Every structure is written in structure tokens, then in C-alpha cells.
Amino acid sequence: MAAYVSALDAHDIATARALLTPAHARVVQGAADSWFRNVVSIKQLQMNKPFKDPFDARHLHYNHCVGMGVSFALEQHQVMSMSNGPTEWGYTLCRDSPSRRWRIADEGTG
């Protein structure tokens, strides 16, 4: 999570995209207020402990998924679906096996 948020804050879209599943990267790319285009800065990242997420593992067709709540201070070019300022958000990280890298497969409010 920290690597993804750091990449977005640095406007390093190639690194941010590589940390997403291919399906979720297409969703993020196509959003009107995409993280890839609309972020000015993301600061003060706080991450909660990950928790097992068997529902998302089945729903997203992965063998292993965990959920993780985060908070951060968001500044955007255009305020659309999210407000600027303190933000509570959640991510679902998935992988098919313990030897594979975790990737963000979904996100949203808790």
C-alpha cells in the first residue's frame, strides 16, 4: 500500500499501475477522476492491519485476498467523487499463491 500511495504522490503512474491487477488498472485508468490523472498529493498515510477477506477472494477470482483500511490527506486537481482533505479508504489486495506479489484488485470506502 505504501508503495502505491507513494507512486501516486510522485506521479509515477507506471509504478502505480504495476501494483494493480490488470482488471483494476483498467478501472482506475478509465475513471473520470482517475488516481492516475487527478492526484495533486497524498500525504500522511496511515495503514490499518490487513484482515482476511474470503468474500473478495471468491468474488475477484483469486486464491488469497486481504482487506486494508487506510487514511490519508488527499489533494486533487478536481473534486469529483471524493473530497479533498482527510480521507478514509480501503483496498483489497489479492494474489493466487504465497509466492506471487500482492496487487490491488479493488478499492473504495468501507
N, C-alpha and C. Protein backbone atom coordinates (compact mmCIF):
# COMPACT_ATOMS: atom_id res chain seq x y z
N MET A 1 0.81 -1.19 0.00
CA MET A 1 0.00 0.00 0.00
C MET A 1 0.86 1.25 0.00
N ALA A 2 1.85 1.26 0.83
CA ALA A 2 2.71 2.45 0.91
C ALA A 2 3.38 2.72 -0.44
N ALA A 3 3.80 1.67 -1.12
CA ALA A 3 4.45 1.84 -2.42
C ALA A 3 3.48 2.44 -3.44
N TYR A 4 2.23 1.99 -3.41
CA TYR A 4 1.22 2.51 -4.34
C TYR A 4 0.94 3.98 -4.07
N VAL A 5 0.69 4.32 -2.83
CA VAL A 5 0.38 5.70 -2.47
C VAL A 5 1.59 6.60 -2.76
N SER A 6 2.78 6.12 -2.46
CA SER A 6 3.99 6.90 -2.78
C SER A 6 4.13 7.13 -4.28
N ALA A 7 3.83 6.11 -5.07
CA ALA A 7 3.91 6.26 -6.52
C ALA A 7 2.90 7.28 -7.02
N LEU A 8 1.68 7.23 -6.50
CA LEU A 8 0.67 8.22 -6.90
C LEU A 8 1.10 9.63 -6.51
N ASP A 9 1.62 9.77 -5.29
CA ASP A 9 2.05 11.08 -4.81
C ASP A 9 3.19 11.62 -5.66
N ALA A 10 4.05 10.73 -6.17
CA ALA A 10 5.18 11.13 -7.01
C ALA A 10 4.80 11.22 -8.49
N HIS A 11 3.54 10.95 -8.82
CA HIS A 11 3.05 10.95 -10.20
C HIS A 11 3.80 9.93 -11.06
N ASP A 12 4.20 8.82 -10.42
CA ASP A 12 4.88 7.72 -11.09
C ASP A 12 3.82 6.68 -11.47
N ILE A 13 3.13 6.96 -12.56
CA ILE A 13 1.98 6.15 -12.97
C ILE A 13 2.39 4.74 -13.37
N ALA A 14 3.54 4.56 -13.98
CA ALA A 14 3.98 3.22 -14.38
C ALA A 14 4.13 2.32 -13.15
N THR A 15 4.73 2.83 -12.09
CA THR A 15 4.88 2.05 -10.87
C THR A 15 3.53 1.80 -10.22
N ALA A 16 2.69 2.82 -10.14
CA ALA A 16 1.36 2.65 -9.54
C ALA A 16 0.56 1.60 -10.30
N ARG A 17 0.56 1.67 -11.60
CA ARG A 17 -0.19 0.72 -12.44
C ARG A 17 0.32 -0.71 -12.22
N ALA A 18 1.62 -0.89 -12.07
CA ALA A 18 2.21 -2.22 -11.88
C ALA A 18 1.79 -2.85 -10.56
N LEU A 19 1.32 -2.05 -9.61
CA LEU A 19 0.88 -2.56 -8.32
C LEU A 19 -0.60 -2.91 -8.29
N LEU A 20 -1.28 -2.76 -9.41
CA LEU A 20 -2.69 -3.10 -9.55
C LEU A 20 -2.83 -4.38 -10.37
N THR A 21 -3.94 -5.09 -10.15
CA THR A 21 -4.25 -6.19 -11.06
C THR A 21 -4.58 -5.58 -12.42
N PRO A 22 -4.40 -6.32 -13.50
CA PRO A 22 -4.74 -5.75 -14.81
C PRO A 22 -6.18 -5.26 -14.90
N ALA A 23 -7.12 -6.00 -14.34
CA ALA A 23 -8.53 -5.58 -14.39
C ALA A 23 -8.75 -4.29 -13.62
N HIS A 24 -8.13 -4.16 -12.44
CA HIS A 24 -8.34 -2.93 -11.66
C HIS A 24 -7.61 -1.75 -12.29
N ALA A 25 -6.48 -2.00 -12.93
CA ALA A 25 -5.77 -0.92 -13.62
C ALA A 25 -6.64 -0.31 -14.71
N ARG A 26 -7.41 -1.15 -15.41
CA ARG A 26 -8.32 -0.63 -16.45
C ARG A 26 -9.42 0.23 -15.82
N VAL A 27 -9.93 -0.19 -14.67
CA VAL A 27 -10.96 0.60 -13.98
C VAL A 27 -10.40 1.95 -13.56
N VAL A 28 -9.23 1.94 -12.94
CA VAL A 28 -8.62 3.20 -12.48
C VAL A 28 -8.31 4.10 -13.67
N GLN A 29 -7.75 3.56 -14.72
CA GLN A 29 -7.42 4.35 -15.91
C GLN A 29 -8.66 5.02 -16.50
N GLY A 30 -9.78 4.30 -16.50
CA GLY A 30 -10.99 4.82 -17.14
C GLY A 30 -11.84 5.74 -16.28
N ALA A 31 -11.53 5.87 -15.02
CA ALA A 31 -12.34 6.72 -14.13
C ALA A 31 -12.18 8.20 -14.50
N ALA A 32 -13.28 8.92 -14.43
CA ALA A 32 -13.26 10.35 -14.75
C ALA A 32 -12.29 11.11 -13.85
N ASP A 33 -12.21 10.71 -12.59
CA ASP A 33 -11.29 11.36 -11.65
C ASP A 33 -10.19 10.37 -11.24
N SER A 34 -9.60 9.74 -12.22
CA SER A 34 -8.59 8.70 -12.04
C SER A 34 -7.46 9.12 -11.10
N TRP A 35 -7.05 8.18 -10.26
CA TRP A 35 -5.87 8.39 -9.42
C TRP A 35 -4.66 8.74 -10.30
N PHE A 36 -4.65 8.25 -11.51
CA PHE A 36 -3.52 8.48 -12.41
C PHE A 36 -3.44 9.91 -12.93
N ARG A 37 -4.55 10.62 -12.96
CA ARG A 37 -4.57 11.97 -13.55
C ARG A 37 -4.98 13.06 -12.57
N ASN A 38 -5.69 12.71 -11.51
CA ASN A 38 -6.33 13.75 -10.70
C ASN A 38 -5.62 14.06 -9.38
N VAL A 39 -4.65 13.27 -8.99
CA VAL A 39 -3.98 13.47 -7.70
C VAL A 39 -2.96 14.60 -7.79
N VAL A 40 -3.07 15.54 -6.87
CA VAL A 40 -2.03 16.54 -6.67
C VAL A 40 -1.05 15.99 -5.63
N SER A 41 -1.60 15.53 -4.49
CA SER A 41 -0.75 14.92 -3.46
C SER A 41 -1.57 14.00 -2.57
N ILE A 42 -0.88 13.03 -2.00
CA ILE A 42 -1.43 12.15 -0.97
C ILE A 42 -0.38 12.12 0.14
N LYS A 43 -0.74 12.62 1.29
CA LYS A 43 0.20 12.73 2.42
C LYS A 43 -0.41 12.07 3.66
N GLN A 44 0.41 11.90 4.67
CA GLN A 44 0.00 11.42 5.98
C GLN A 44 -0.68 10.05 5.93
N LEU A 45 -0.11 9.13 5.17
CA LEU A 45 -0.67 7.79 5.05
C LEU A 45 -0.60 7.05 6.38
N GLN A 46 -1.71 6.52 6.80
CA GLN A 46 -1.81 5.63 7.97
C GLN A 46 -2.49 4.36 7.51
N MET A 47 -1.88 3.20 7.80
CA MET A 47 -2.44 1.93 7.36
C MET A 47 -2.88 1.11 8.56
N ASN A 48 -4.07 0.51 8.45
CA ASN A 48 -4.54 -0.42 9.46
C ASN A 48 -3.93 -1.79 9.19
N LYS A 49 -4.11 -2.70 10.12
CA LYS A 49 -3.63 -4.07 9.90
C LYS A 49 -4.50 -4.74 8.85
N PRO A 50 -3.88 -5.54 7.97
CA PRO A 50 -4.67 -6.27 6.97
C PRO A 50 -5.55 -7.32 7.65
N PHE A 51 -6.67 -7.63 7.01
CA PHE A 51 -7.57 -8.66 7.52
C PHE A 51 -7.95 -9.59 6.38
N LYS A 52 -8.15 -10.87 6.70
CA LYS A 52 -8.52 -11.85 5.68
C LYS A 52 -9.85 -11.45 5.05
N ASP A 53 -9.96 -11.69 3.78
CA ASP A 53 -11.15 -11.28 3.04
C ASP A 53 -11.59 -12.40 2.10
N PRO A 54 -12.19 -13.49 2.64
CA PRO A 54 -12.58 -14.62 1.78
C PRO A 54 -13.66 -14.27 0.77
N PHE A 55 -14.56 -13.32 1.09
CA PHE A 55 -15.58 -12.93 0.12
C PHE A 55 -14.94 -12.36 -1.13
N ASP A 56 -14.02 -11.41 -0.97
CA ASP A 56 -13.39 -10.81 -2.15
C ASP A 56 -12.53 -11.82 -2.89
N ALA A 57 -11.92 -12.76 -2.18
CA ALA A 57 -11.12 -13.79 -2.87
C ALA A 57 -12.00 -14.56 -3.85
N ARG A 58 -13.19 -14.94 -3.41
CA ARG A 58 -14.11 -15.67 -4.31
C ARG A 58 -14.64 -14.75 -5.39
N HIS A 59 -15.08 -13.55 -5.00
CA HIS A 59 -15.68 -12.59 -5.93
C HIS A 59 -14.69 -12.15 -7.01
N LEU A 60 -13.44 -11.94 -6.62
CA LEU A 60 -12.44 -11.43 -7.55
C LEU A 60 -11.64 -12.55 -8.22
N HIS A 61 -11.94 -13.80 -7.88
CA HIS A 61 -11.33 -14.97 -8.51
C HIS A 61 -9.84 -15.10 -8.22
N TYR A 62 -9.47 -14.84 -6.97
CA TYR A 62 -8.10 -15.05 -6.50
C TYR A 62 -8.14 -16.04 -5.35
N ASN A 63 -7.01 -16.71 -5.11
CA ASN A 63 -6.94 -17.66 -4.00
C ASN A 63 -6.78 -16.99 -2.65
N HIS A 64 -6.15 -15.83 -2.61
CA HIS A 64 -5.90 -15.14 -1.35
C HIS A 64 -6.17 -13.64 -1.52
N CYS A 65 -6.97 -13.09 -0.62
CA CYS A 65 -7.18 -11.65 -0.59
C CYS A 65 -7.18 -11.16 0.85
N VAL A 66 -6.70 -9.96 1.04
CA VAL A 66 -6.78 -9.29 2.33
C VAL A 66 -7.34 -7.89 2.09
N GLY A 67 -8.05 -7.40 3.08
CA GLY A 67 -8.52 -6.03 3.04
C GLY A 67 -7.60 -5.18 3.91
N MET A 68 -7.50 -3.90 3.57
CA MET A 68 -6.70 -2.99 4.37
C MET A 68 -7.32 -1.60 4.34
N GLY A 69 -7.65 -1.12 5.50
CA GLY A 69 -8.14 0.25 5.62
C GLY A 69 -6.98 1.20 5.76
N VAL A 70 -7.12 2.37 5.18
CA VAL A 70 -6.08 3.39 5.25
C VAL A 70 -6.74 4.76 5.46
N SER A 71 -5.94 5.69 5.88
CA SER A 71 -6.37 7.09 5.89
C SER A 71 -5.21 7.92 5.36
N PHE A 72 -5.55 9.05 4.75
CA PHE A 72 -4.54 9.94 4.20
C PHE A 72 -5.16 11.30 3.96
N ALA A 73 -4.30 12.28 3.70
CA ALA A 73 -4.74 13.62 3.32
C ALA A 73 -4.63 13.72 1.81
N LEU A 74 -5.75 13.94 1.15
CA LEU A 74 -5.83 13.94 -0.31
C LEU A 74 -6.00 15.35 -0.84
N GLU A 75 -5.24 15.68 -1.88
CA GLU A 75 -5.44 16.92 -2.63
C GLU A 75 -5.53 16.53 -4.11
N GLN A 76 -6.60 17.00 -4.77
CA GLN A 76 -6.87 16.64 -6.16
C GLN A 76 -6.93 17.89 -7.03
N HIS A 77 -6.75 17.70 -8.32
CA HIS A 77 -6.93 18.80 -9.26
C HIS A 77 -8.40 19.21 -9.30
N GLN A 78 -9.29 18.22 -9.42
CA GLN A 78 -10.73 18.47 -9.46
C GLN A 78 -11.41 17.61 -8.40
N VAL A 79 -12.27 18.22 -7.61
CA VAL A 79 -13.05 17.47 -6.62
C VAL A 79 -14.27 16.92 -7.34
N MET A 80 -14.34 15.59 -7.39
CA MET A 80 -15.46 14.94 -8.07
C MET A 80 -16.12 13.94 -7.12
N SER A 81 -15.65 12.71 -7.12
CA SER A 81 -16.29 11.68 -6.30
C SER A 81 -15.76 11.65 -4.87
N MET A 82 -14.63 12.26 -4.61
CA MET A 82 -14.04 12.32 -3.27
C MET A 82 -13.72 13.76 -2.94
N SER A 83 -13.77 14.08 -1.64
CA SER A 83 -13.42 15.42 -1.18
C SER A 83 -11.92 15.53 -0.96
N ASN A 84 -11.40 16.72 -1.02
CA ASN A 84 -10.03 16.96 -0.60
C ASN A 84 -9.97 16.93 0.92
N GLY A 85 -8.80 16.63 1.45
CA GLY A 85 -8.61 16.63 2.90
C GLY A 85 -8.52 15.22 3.45
N PRO A 86 -8.80 15.07 4.76
CA PRO A 86 -8.71 13.77 5.40
C PRO A 86 -9.65 12.76 4.73
N THR A 87 -9.11 11.58 4.41
CA THR A 87 -9.85 10.58 3.65
C THR A 87 -9.68 9.21 4.29
N GLU A 88 -10.78 8.50 4.48
CA GLU A 88 -10.76 7.10 4.91
C GLU A 88 -11.05 6.26 3.67
N TRP A 89 -10.21 5.25 3.42
CA TRP A 89 -10.33 4.47 2.19
C TRP A 89 -9.96 3.03 2.50
N GLY A 90 -10.31 2.14 1.62
CA GLY A 90 -9.96 0.74 1.79
C GLY A 90 -9.52 0.12 0.49
N TYR A 91 -8.61 -0.84 0.59
CA TYR A 91 -8.09 -1.55 -0.57
C TYR A 91 -8.22 -3.05 -0.34
N THR A 92 -8.42 -3.78 -1.41
CA THR A 92 -8.37 -5.23 -1.40
C THR A 92 -7.15 -5.66 -2.18
N LEU A 93 -6.25 -6.37 -1.52
CA LEU A 93 -5.03 -6.87 -2.15
C LEU A 93 -5.18 -8.37 -2.34
N CYS A 94 -4.83 -8.86 -3.52
CA CYS A 94 -5.03 -10.27 -3.85
C CYS A 94 -3.79 -10.86 -4.52
N ARG A 95 -3.71 -12.19 -4.42
CA ARG A 95 -2.69 -12.96 -5.14
C ARG A 95 -3.17 -14.39 -5.24
N ASP A 96 -2.62 -15.12 -6.19
CA ASP A 96 -3.04 -16.51 -6.40
C ASP A 96 -2.28 -17.51 -5.54
N SER A 97 -1.07 -17.17 -5.13
CA SER A 97 -0.28 -18.09 -4.31
C SER A 97 0.66 -17.27 -3.43
N PRO A 98 1.17 -17.89 -2.35
CA PRO A 98 2.10 -17.17 -1.47
C PRO A 98 3.38 -16.69 -2.15
N SER A 99 3.73 -17.30 -3.27
CA SER A 99 4.95 -16.86 -3.96
C SER A 99 4.70 -15.67 -4.91
N ARG A 100 3.45 -15.32 -5.11
CA ARG A 100 3.11 -14.20 -6.01
C ARG A 100 3.05 -12.90 -5.23
N ARG A 101 3.23 -11.81 -5.92
CA ARG A 101 3.17 -10.47 -5.32
C ARG A 101 1.73 -10.07 -5.06
N TRP A 102 1.49 -9.40 -3.93
CA TRP A 102 0.17 -8.82 -3.67
C TRP A 102 -0.06 -7.68 -4.66
N ARG A 103 -1.27 -7.60 -5.20
CA ARG A 103 -1.65 -6.49 -6.09
C ARG A 103 -3.01 -5.98 -5.65
N ILE A 104 -3.26 -4.72 -5.87
CA ILE A 104 -4.55 -4.12 -5.52
C ILE A 104 -5.56 -4.55 -6.57
N ALA A 105 -6.63 -5.21 -6.10
CA ALA A 105 -7.66 -5.73 -7.00
C ALA A 105 -8.95 -4.95 -6.91
N ASP A 106 -9.11 -4.16 -5.85
CA ASP A 106 -10.35 -3.38 -5.68
C ASP A 106 -10.08 -2.32 -4.62
N GLU A 107 -10.95 -1.34 -4.55
CA GLU A 107 -10.81 -0.27 -3.57
C GLU A 107 -12.12 0.46 -3.40
N GLY A 108 -12.22 1.20 -2.33
CA GLY A 108 -13.41 2.01 -2.09
C GLY A 108 -13.58 2.29 -0.62
N THR A 109 -14.70 2.87 -0.29
CA THR A 109 -15.00 3.16 1.10
C THR A 109 -15.48 1.91 1.79
N GLY A 110 -15.22 1.83 3.08
CA GLY A 110 -15.58 0.65 3.88
C GLY A 110 -17.03 0.62 4.10
